[in-house]
Amino acid sequence: MAISFESVKHVYQYRNPRTLRAFSDFFIVVLPIAYGPHFARMAGESSYGLHFIVPVLFSIILVSLDNIQNHLENPFDQIGEDDVTINVRSS
């Protein structure tokens, strides 16, 4: 029981490294700006509407991955469907 408690305690105390969080936040902000000229050039070469859909999908995917990382970081916060619930008073 003590070994299992220690394992759960380490899961509770683990957080994503700050550099990983900064890396994802940096790319969420910088990549759409950096690829802006490419999307503008692509607008003249491709069908109408595709140059709007690609940057929007790009941003949605990056923000979704960041949100998934936030939700998976703490499994004990009771926010989300896959959280760990420990009810101490039910015994």
PDB file of N, CA and C in Angstrom:
ATOM      1  N   MET A   1       0.825  -1.186   0.000  1.00  0.00           N
ATOM      2  CA  MET A   1       0.000   0.000   0.000  1.00  0.00           C
ATOM      3  C   MET A   1       0.876   1.259   0.000  1.00  0.00           C
ATOM      4  N   ALA A   2       1.976   1.214   0.729  1.00  0.00           N
ATOM      5  CA  ALA A   2       2.865   2.375   0.781  1.00  0.00           C
ATOM      6  C   ALA A   2       3.491   2.650  -0.586  1.00  0.00           C
ATOM      7  N   ILE A   3       3.852   1.601  -1.304  1.00  0.00           N
ATOM      8  CA  ILE A   3       4.447   1.781  -2.640  1.00  0.00           C
ATOM      9  C   ILE A   3       3.426   2.378  -3.601  1.00  0.00           C
ATOM     10  N   SER A   4       2.184   1.911  -3.539  1.00  0.00           N
ATOM     11  CA  SER A   4       1.130   2.463  -4.397  1.00  0.00           C
ATOM     12  C   SER A   4       0.849   3.918  -4.053  1.00  0.00           C
ATOM     13  N   PHE A   5       0.856   4.230  -2.762  1.00  0.00           N
ATOM     14  CA  PHE A   5       0.641   5.620  -2.349  1.00  0.00           C
ATOM     15  C   PHE A   5       1.747   6.519  -2.881  1.00  0.00           C
ATOM     16  N   GLU A   6       2.988   6.049  -2.806  1.00  0.00           N
ATOM     17  CA  GLU A   6       4.104   6.838  -3.330  1.00  0.00           C
ATOM     18  C   GLU A   6       3.983   7.043  -4.837  1.00  0.00           C
ATOM     19  N   SER A   7       3.526   6.023  -5.545  1.00  0.00           N
ATOM     20  CA  SER A   7       3.339   6.156  -6.993  1.00  0.00           C
ATOM     21  C   SER A   7       2.278   7.195  -7.321  1.00  0.00           C
ATOM     22  N   VAL A   8       1.171   7.156  -6.601  1.00  0.00           N
ATOM     23  CA  VAL A   8       0.100   8.133  -6.832  1.00  0.00           C
ATOM     24  C   VAL A   8       0.559   9.526  -6.429  1.00  0.00           C
ATOM     25  N   LYS A   9       1.346   9.622  -5.375  1.00  0.00           N
ATOM     26  CA  LYS A   9       1.851  10.928  -4.940  1.00  0.00           C
ATOM     27  C   LYS A   9       2.752  11.547  -6.007  1.00  0.00           C
ATOM     28  N   HIS A  10       3.566  10.718  -6.650  1.00  0.00           N
ATOM     29  CA  HIS A  10       4.443  11.238  -7.709  1.00  0.00           C
ATOM     30  C   HIS A  10       3.637  11.673  -8.931  1.00  0.00           C
ATOM     31  N   VAL A  11       2.569  10.983  -9.245  1.00  0.00           N
ATOM     32  CA  VAL A  11       1.693  11.406 -10.343  1.00  0.00           C
ATOM     33  C   VAL A  11       1.053  12.746  -9.992  1.00  0.00           C
ATOM     34  N   TYR A  12       0.631  12.904  -8.746  1.00  0.00           N
ATOM     35  CA  TYR A  12      -0.005  14.155  -8.314  1.00  0.00           C
ATOM     36  C   TYR A  12       0.983  15.323  -8.350  1.00  0.00           C
ATOM     37  N   GLN A  13       2.216  15.091  -7.955  1.00  0.00           N
ATOM     38  CA  GLN A  13       3.188  16.171  -7.868  1.00  0.00           C
ATOM     39  C   GLN A  13       3.854  16.497  -9.195  1.00  0.00           C
ATOM     40  N   TYR A  14       3.744  15.612 -10.184  1.00  0.00           N
ATOM     41  CA  TYR A  14       4.406  15.834 -11.469  1.00  0.00           C
ATOM     42  C   TYR A  14       3.708  16.951 -12.234  1.00  0.00           C
ATOM     43  N   ARG A  15       4.458  17.831 -12.796  1.00  0.00           N
ATOM     44  CA  ARG A  15       3.956  18.867 -13.687  1.00  0.00           C
ATOM     45  C   ARG A  15       4.827  18.886 -14.933  1.00  0.00           C
ATOM     46  N   ASN A  16       4.268  19.350 -16.016  1.00  0.00           N
ATOM     47  CA  ASN A  16       5.056  19.479 -17.237  1.00  0.00           C
ATOM     48  C   ASN A  16       6.172  20.491 -17.014  1.00  0.00           C
ATOM     49  N   PRO A  17       7.324  20.253 -17.579  1.00  0.00           N
ATOM     50  CA  PRO A  17       8.427  21.214 -17.415  1.00  0.00           C
ATOM     51  C   PRO A  17       8.047  22.574 -17.988  1.00  0.00           C
ATOM     52  N   ARG A  18       8.578  23.605 -17.359  1.00  0.00           N
ATOM     53  CA  ARG A  18       8.283  24.973 -17.826  1.00  0.00           C
ATOM     54  C   ARG A  18       8.730  25.188 -19.266  1.00  0.00           C
ATOM     55  N   THR A  19       9.834  24.568 -19.633  1.00  0.00           N
ATOM     56  CA  THR A  19      10.323  24.765 -20.997  1.00  0.00           C
ATOM     57  C   THR A  19       9.354  24.182 -22.016  1.00  0.00           C
ATOM     58  N   LEU A  20       8.718  23.056 -21.697  1.00  0.00           N
ATOM     59  CA  LEU A  20       7.731  22.479 -22.606  1.00  0.00           C
ATOM     60  C   LEU A  20       6.520  23.389 -22.735  1.00  0.00           C
ATOM     61  N   ARG A  21       6.063  23.965 -21.627  1.00  0.00           N
ATOM     62  CA  ARG A  21       4.943  24.895 -21.671  1.00  0.00           C
ATOM     63  C   ARG A  21       5.318  26.145 -22.470  1.00  0.00           C
ATOM     64  N   ALA A  22       6.514  26.678 -22.226  1.00  0.00           N
ATOM     65  CA  ALA A  22       6.961  27.868 -22.956  1.00  0.00           C
ATOM     66  C   ALA A  22       7.121  27.565 -24.435  1.00  0.00           C
ATOM     67  N   PHE A  23       7.627  26.396 -24.758  1.00  0.00           N
ATOM     68  CA  PHE A  23       7.800  25.971 -26.141  1.00  0.00           C
ATOM     69  C   PHE A  23       6.465  25.929 -26.869  1.00  0.00           C
ATOM     70  N   SER A  24       5.450  25.327 -26.246  1.00  0.00           N
ATOM     71  CA  SER A  24       4.143  25.244 -26.903  1.00  0.00           C
ATOM     72  C   SER A  24       3.492  26.625 -27.008  1.00  0.00           C
ATOM     73  N   ASP A  25       3.600  27.444 -25.958  1.00  0.00           N
ATOM     74  CA  ASP A  25       3.027  28.791 -26.029  1.00  0.00           C
ATOM     75  C   ASP A  25       3.716  29.643 -27.088  1.00  0.00           C
ATOM     76  N   PHE A  26       5.021  29.509 -27.189  1.00  0.00           N
ATOM     77  CA  PHE A  26       5.780  30.253 -28.192  1.00  0.00           C
ATOM     78  C   PHE A  26       5.326  29.890 -29.605  1.00  0.00           C
ATOM     79  N   PHE A  27       5.189  28.597 -29.868  1.00  0.00           N
ATOM     80  CA  PHE A  27       4.815  28.175 -31.213  1.00  0.00           C
ATOM     81  C   PHE A  27       3.360  28.470 -31.537  1.00  0.00           C
ATOM     82  N   ILE A  28       2.490  28.529 -30.537  1.00  0.00           N
ATOM     83  CA  ILE A  28       1.104  28.906 -30.792  1.00  0.00           C
ATOM     84  C   ILE A  28       1.034  30.347 -31.272  1.00  0.00           C
ATOM     85  N   VAL A  29       1.898  31.189 -30.736  1.00  0.00           N
ATOM     86  CA  VAL A  29       1.884  32.605 -31.115  1.00  0.00           C
ATOM     87  C   VAL A  29       2.700  32.860 -32.383  1.00  0.00           C
ATOM     88  N   VAL A  30       3.870  32.252 -32.514  1.00  0.00           N
ATOM     89  CA  VAL A  30       4.804  32.609 -33.568  1.00  0.00           C
ATOM     90  C   VAL A  30       4.514  31.926 -34.908  1.00  0.00           C
ATOM     91  N   LEU A  31       4.122  30.661 -34.887  1.00  0.00           N
ATOM     92  CA  LEU A  31       3.965  29.943 -36.154  1.00  0.00           C
ATOM     93  C   LEU A  31       2.910  30.543 -37.081  1.00  0.00           C
ATOM     94  N   PRO A  32       1.730  30.926 -36.599  1.00  0.00           N
ATOM     95  CA  PRO A  32       0.799  31.563 -37.549  1.00  0.00           C
ATOM     96  C   PRO A  32       1.348  32.863 -38.151  1.00  0.00           C
ATOM     97  N   ILE A  33       2.108  33.618 -37.379  1.00  0.00           N
ATOM     98  CA  ILE A  33       2.699  34.855 -37.897  1.00  0.00           C
ATOM     99  C   ILE A  33       3.816  34.531 -38.887  1.00  0.00           C
ATOM    100  N   ALA A  34       4.629  33.536 -38.571  1.00  0.00           N
ATOM    101  CA  ALA A  34       5.744  33.178 -39.447  1.00  0.00           C
ATOM    102  C   ALA A  34       5.259  32.595 -40.771  1.00  0.00           C
ATOM    103  N   TYR A  35       4.170  31.855 -40.740  1.00  0.00           N
ATOM    104  CA  TYR A  35       3.639  31.265 -41.964  1.00  0.00           C
ATOM    105  C   TYR A  35       2.649  32.178 -42.687  1.00  0.00           C
ATOM    106  N   GLY A  36       2.421  33.370 -42.182  1.00  0.00           N
ATOM    107  CA  GLY A  36       1.510  34.319 -42.824  1.00  0.00           C
ATOM    108  C   GLY A  36       1.862  34.624 -44.269  1.00  0.00           C
ATOM    109  N   PRO A  37       3.121  34.935 -44.586  1.00  0.00           N
ATOM    110  CA  PRO A  37       3.475  35.179 -45.988  1.00  0.00           C
ATOM    111  C   PRO A  37       3.258  33.959 -46.890  1.00  0.00           C
ATOM    112  N   HIS A  38       3.506  32.778 -46.355  1.00  0.00           N
ATOM    113  CA  HIS A  38       3.271  31.561 -47.143  1.00  0.00           C
ATOM    114  C   HIS A  38       1.785  31.407 -47.456  1.00  0.00           C
ATOM    115  N   PHE A  39       0.937  31.644 -46.451  1.00  0.00           N
ATOM    116  CA  PHE A  39      -0.502  31.536 -46.694  1.00  0.00           C
ATOM    117  C   PHE A  39      -0.991  32.614 -47.650  1.00  0.00           C
ATOM    118  N   ALA A  40      -0.393  33.814 -47.589  1.00  0.00           N
ATOM    119  CA  ALA A  40      -0.767  34.882 -48.521  1.00  0.00           C
ATOM    120  C   ALA A  40      -0.365  34.516 -49.953  1.00  0.00           C
ATOM    121  N   ARG A  41       0.815  33.930 -50.127  1.00  0.00           N
ATOM    122  CA  ARG A  41       1.254  33.509 -51.460  1.00  0.00           C
ATOM    123  C   ARG A  41       0.403  32.347 -51.969  1.00  0.00           C
ATOM    124  N   MET A  42       0.040  31.459 -51.058  1.00  0.00           N
ATOM    125  CA  MET A  42      -0.782  30.312 -51.418  1.00  0.00           C
ATOM    126  C   MET A  42      -2.182  30.749 -51.859  1.00  0.00           C
ATOM    127  N   ALA A  43      -2.637  31.907 -51.377  1.00  0.00           N
ATOM    128  CA  ALA A  43      -3.968  32.389 -51.729  1.00  0.00           C
ATOM    129  C   ALA A  43      -4.083  32.667 -53.225  1.00  0.00           C
ATOM    130  N   GLY A  44      -2.995  33.130 -53.838  1.00  0.00           N
ATOM    131  CA  GLY A  44      -3.029  33.408 -55.261  1.00  0.00           C
ATOM    132  C   GLY A  44      -2.890  32.170 -56.128  1.00  0.00           C
ATOM    133  N   GLU A  45      -2.363  31.092 -55.575  1.00  0.00           N
ATOM    134  CA  GLU A  45      -2.101  29.901 -56.370  1.00  0.00           C
ATOM    135  C   GLU A  45      -3.163  28.814 -56.245  1.00  0.00           C
ATOM    136  N   SER A  46      -3.927  28.831 -55.184  1.00  0.00           N
ATOM    137  CA  SER A  46      -4.859  27.719 -54.939  1.00  0.00           C
ATOM    138  C   SER A  46      -6.300  28.194 -55.067  1.00  0.00           C
ATOM    139  N   SER A  47      -7.193  27.287 -54.831  1.00  0.00           N
ATOM    140  CA  SER A  47      -8.612  27.606 -54.940  1.00  0.00           C
ATOM    141  C   SER A  47      -9.037  28.574 -53.836  1.00  0.00           C
ATOM    142  N   TYR A  48     -10.074  29.312 -54.121  1.00  0.00           N
ATOM    143  CA  TYR A  48     -10.552  30.309 -53.171  1.00  0.00           C
ATOM    144  C   TYR A  48     -11.097  29.620 -51.924  1.00  0.00           C
ATOM    145  N   GLY A  49     -10.726  30.077 -50.790  1.00  0.00           N
ATOM    146  CA  GLY A  49     -11.190  29.520 -49.539  1.00  0.00           C
ATOM    147  C   GLY A  49     -10.168  28.630 -48.865  1.00  0.00           C
ATOM    148  N   LEU A  50      -9.317  27.976 -49.628  1.00  0.00           N
ATOM    149  CA  LEU A  50      -8.307  27.105 -49.045  1.00  0.00           C
ATOM    150  C   LEU A  50      -7.300  27.906 -48.227  1.00  0.00           C
ATOM    151  N   HIS A  51      -6.990  29.109 -48.668  1.00  0.00           N
ATOM    152  CA  HIS A  51      -6.031  29.936 -47.940  1.00  0.00           C
ATOM    153  C   HIS A  51      -6.607  30.461 -46.634  1.00  0.00           C
ATOM    154  N   PHE A  52      -7.931  30.362 -46.437  1.00  0.00           N
ATOM    155  CA  PHE A  52      -8.534  30.700 -45.155  1.00  0.00           C
ATOM    156  C   PHE A  52      -8.616  29.476 -44.248  1.00  0.00           C
ATOM    157  N   ILE A  53      -8.870  28.331 -44.821  1.00  0.00           N
ATOM    158  CA  ILE A  53      -9.083  27.111 -44.045  1.00  0.00           C
ATOM    159  C   ILE A  53      -7.783  26.594 -43.432  1.00  0.00           C
ATOM    160  N   VAL A  54      -6.695  26.624 -44.174  1.00  0.00           N
ATOM    161  CA  VAL A  54      -5.426  26.059 -43.699  1.00  0.00           C
ATOM    162  C   VAL A  54      -4.898  26.795 -42.455  1.00  0.00           C
ATOM    163  N   PRO A  55      -4.829  28.133 -42.427  1.00  0.00           N
ATOM    164  CA  PRO A  55      -4.340  28.786 -41.199  1.00  0.00           C
ATOM    165  C   PRO A  55      -5.275  28.590 -40.009  1.00  0.00           C
ATOM    166  N   VAL A  56      -6.572  28.545 -40.260  1.00  0.00           N
ATOM    167  CA  VAL A  56      -7.517  28.336 -39.160  1.00  0.00           C
ATOM    168  C   VAL A  56      -7.347  26.938 -38.581  1.00  0.00           C
ATOM    169  N   LEU A  57      -7.223  25.933 -39.436  1.00  0.00           N
ATOM    170  CA  LEU A  57      -6.995  24.572 -38.949  1.00  0.00           C
ATOM    171  C   LEU A  57      -5.660  24.463 -38.220  1.00  0.00           C
ATOM    172  N   PHE A  58      -4.663  25.129 -38.726  1.00  0.00           N
ATOM    173  CA  PHE A  58      -3.347  25.144 -38.098  1.00  0.00           C
ATOM    174  C   PHE A  58      -3.439  25.690 -36.675  1.00  0.00           C
ATOM    175  N   SER A  59      -4.132  26.811 -36.496  1.00  0.00           N
ATOM    176  CA  SER A  59      -4.287  27.416 -35.171  1.00  0.00           C
ATOM    177  C   SER A  59      -5.146  26.558 -34.257  1.00  0.00           C
ATOM    178  N   ILE A  60      -6.213  25.981 -34.793  1.00  0.00           N
ATOM    179  CA  ILE A  60      -7.088  25.129 -33.975  1.00  0.00           C
ATOM    180  C   ILE A  60      -6.325  23.917 -33.463  1.00  0.00           C
ATOM    181  N   ILE A  61      -5.510  23.314 -34.309  1.00  0.00           N
ATOM    182  CA  ILE A  61      -4.743  22.136 -33.888  1.00  0.00           C
ATOM    183  C   ILE A  61      -3.743  22.499 -32.801  1.00  0.00           C
ATOM    184  N   LEU A  62      -3.029  23.606 -32.952  1.00  0.00           N
ATOM    185  CA  LEU A  62      -2.054  23.999 -31.935  1.00  0.00           C
ATOM    186  C   LEU A  62      -2.718  24.328 -30.604  1.00  0.00           C
ATOM    187  N   VAL A  63      -3.819  25.049 -30.638  1.00  0.00           N
ATOM    188  CA  VAL A  63      -4.521  25.391 -29.394  1.00  0.00           C
ATOM    189  C   VAL A  63      -5.131  24.144 -28.759  1.00  0.00           C
ATOM    190  N   SER A  64      -5.624  23.231 -29.569  1.00  0.00           N
ATOM    191  CA  SER A  64      -6.181  21.986 -29.032  1.00  0.00           C
ATOM    192  C   SER A  64      -5.109  21.155 -28.335  1.00  0.00           C
ATOM    193  N   LEU A  65      -3.944  21.066 -28.931  1.00  0.00           N
ATOM    194  CA  LEU A  65      -2.851  20.334 -28.288  1.00  0.00           C
ATOM    195  C   LEU A  65      -2.434  20.987 -26.973  1.00  0.00           C
ATOM    196  N   ASP A  66      -2.442  22.312 -26.924  1.00  0.00           N
ATOM    197  CA  ASP A  66      -2.118  23.011 -25.681  1.00  0.00           C
ATOM    198  C   ASP A  66      -3.181  22.745 -24.614  1.00  0.00           C
ATOM    199  N   ASN A  67      -4.452  22.739 -25.004  1.00  0.00           N
ATOM    200  CA  ASN A  67      -5.521  22.444 -24.041  1.00  0.00           C
ATOM    201  C   ASN A  67      -5.446  21.013 -23.536  1.00  0.00           C
ATOM    202  N   ILE A  68      -5.121  20.076 -24.410  1.00  0.00           N
ATOM    203  CA  ILE A  68      -4.962  18.679 -23.992  1.00  0.00           C
ATOM    204  C   ILE A  68      -3.818  18.571 -22.988  1.00  0.00           C
ATOM    205  N   GLN A  69      -2.734  19.276 -23.248  1.00  0.00           N
ATOM    206  CA  GLN A  69      -1.603  19.251 -22.325  1.00  0.00           C
ATOM    207  C   GLN A  69      -2.012  19.812 -20.968  1.00  0.00           C
ATOM    208  N   ASN A  70      -2.810  20.869 -20.945  1.00  0.00           N
ATOM    209  CA  ASN A  70      -3.277  21.436 -19.676  1.00  0.00           C
ATOM    210  C   ASN A  70      -4.166  20.466 -18.920  1.00  0.00           C
ATOM    211  N   HIS A  71      -5.065  19.785 -19.617  1.00  0.00           N
ATOM    212  CA  HIS A  71      -5.994  18.871 -18.952  1.00  0.00           C
ATOM    213  C   HIS A  71      -5.309  17.607 -18.451  1.00  0.00           C
ATOM    214  N   LEU A  72      -4.296  17.144 -19.146  1.00  0.00           N
ATOM    215  CA  LEU A  72      -3.607  15.927 -18.730  1.00  0.00           C
ATOM    216  C   LEU A  72      -2.568  16.166 -17.652  1.00  0.00           C
ATOM    217  N   GLU A  73      -2.236  17.432 -17.401  1.00  0.00           N
ATOM    218  CA  GLU A  73      -1.173  17.729 -16.453  1.00  0.00           C
ATOM    219  C   GLU A  73      -1.557  17.353 -15.019  1.00  0.00           C
ATOM    220  N   ASN A  74      -2.784  17.589 -14.610  1.00  0.00           N
ATOM    221  CA  ASN A  74      -3.200  17.303 -13.242  1.00  0.00           C
ATOM    222  C   ASN A  74      -4.419  16.387 -13.266  1.00  0.00           C
ATOM    223  N   PRO A  75      -4.245  15.097 -13.018  1.00  0.00           N
ATOM    224  CA  PRO A  75      -5.383  14.178 -13.077  1.00  0.00           C
ATOM    225  C   PRO A  75      -6.278  14.238 -11.837  1.00  0.00           C
ATOM    226  N   PHE A  76      -5.939  15.048 -10.844  1.00  0.00           N
ATOM    227  CA  PHE A  76      -6.715  15.111  -9.610  1.00  0.00           C
ATOM    228  C   PHE A  76      -7.503  16.411  -9.466  1.00  0.00           C
ATOM    229  N   ASP A  77      -7.570  17.255 -10.497  1.00  0.00           N
ATOM    230  CA  ASP A  77      -8.228  18.549 -10.356  1.00  0.00           C
ATOM    231  C   ASP A  77      -9.741  18.498 -10.536  1.00  0.00           C
ATOM    232  N   GLN A  78     -10.295  17.355 -10.897  1.00  0.00           N
ATOM    233  CA  GLN A  78     -11.736  17.142 -11.075  1.00  0.00           C
ATOM    234  C   GLN A  78     -12.319  17.998 -12.186  1.00  0.00           C
ATOM    235  N   ILE A  79     -11.503  18.382 -13.148  1.00  0.00           N
ATOM    236  CA  ILE A  79     -11.960  19.095 -14.338  1.00  0.00           C
ATOM    237  C   ILE A  79     -11.682  18.184 -15.520  1.00  0.00           C
ATOM    238  N   GLY A  80     -12.700  17.644 -16.125  1.00  0.00           N
ATOM    239  CA  GLY A  80     -12.514  16.737 -17.246  1.00  0.00           C
ATOM    240  C   GLY A  80     -13.092  15.368 -16.955  1.00  0.00           C
ATOM    241  N   GLU A  81     -13.147  14.551 -18.004  1.00  0.00           N
ATOM    242  CA  GLU A  81     -13.773  13.244 -17.895  1.00  0.00           C
ATOM    243  C   GLU A  81     -12.831  12.173 -17.373  1.00  0.00           C
ATOM    244  N   ASP A  82     -11.534  12.351 -17.533  1.00  0.00           N
ATOM    245  CA  ASP A  82     -10.589  11.289 -17.215  1.00  0.00           C
ATOM    246  C   ASP A  82      -9.828  11.529 -15.920  1.00  0.00           C
ATOM    247  N   ASP A  83     -10.402  12.273 -14.993  1.00  0.00           N
ATOM    248  CA  ASP A  83      -9.726  12.560 -13.734  1.00  0.00           C
ATOM    249  C   ASP A  83      -9.875  11.411 -12.743  1.00  0.00           C
ATOM    250  N   VAL A  84      -8.930  11.352 -11.838  1.00  0.00           N
ATOM    251  CA  VAL A  84      -8.935  10.334 -10.786  1.00  0.00           C
ATOM    252  C   VAL A  84      -9.748  10.861  -9.623  1.00  0.00           C
ATOM    253  N   THR A  85     -10.734  10.084  -9.198  1.00  0.00           N
ATOM    254  CA  THR A  85     -11.580  10.465  -8.082  1.00  0.00           C
ATOM    255  C   THR A  85     -11.302   9.555  -6.902  1.00  0.00           C
ATOM    256  N   ILE A  86     -10.936  10.153  -5.798  1.00  0.00           N
ATOM    257  CA  ILE A  86     -10.702   9.392  -4.572  1.00  0.00           C
ATOM    258  C   ILE A  86     -11.688   9.916  -3.532  1.00  0.00           C
ATOM    259  N   ASN A  87     -12.613   9.066  -3.131  1.00  0.00           N
ATOM    260  CA  ASN A  87     -13.613   9.446  -2.146  1.00  0.00           C
ATOM    261  C   ASN A  87     -13.242   8.790  -0.831  1.00  0.00           C
ATOM    262  N   VAL A  88     -12.671   9.570   0.074  1.00  0.00           N
ATOM    263  CA  VAL A  88     -12.168   9.050   1.334  1.00  0.00           C
ATOM    264  C   VAL A  88     -13.304   8.751   2.297  1.00  0.00           C
ATOM    265  N   ARG A  89     -14.386   9.485   2.253  1.00  0.00           N
ATOM    266  CA  ARG A  89     -15.457   9.356   3.230  1.00  0.00           C
ATOM    267  C   ARG A  89     -16.441   8.240   2.929  1.00  0.00           C
ATOM    268  N   SER A  90     -16.310   7.559   1.818  1.00  0.00           N
ATOM    269  CA  SER A  90     -17.273   6.525   1.462  1.00  0.00           C
ATOM    270  C   SER A  90     -16.985   5.189   2.140  1.00  0.00           C
ATOM    271  N   SER A  91     -15.897   5.048   2.859  1.00  0.00           N
ATOM    272  CA  SER A  91     -15.564   3.755   3.452  1.00  0.00           C
ATOM    273  C   SER A  91     -16.173   3.544   4.816  1.00  0.00           C
TER     274      SER A  91
END
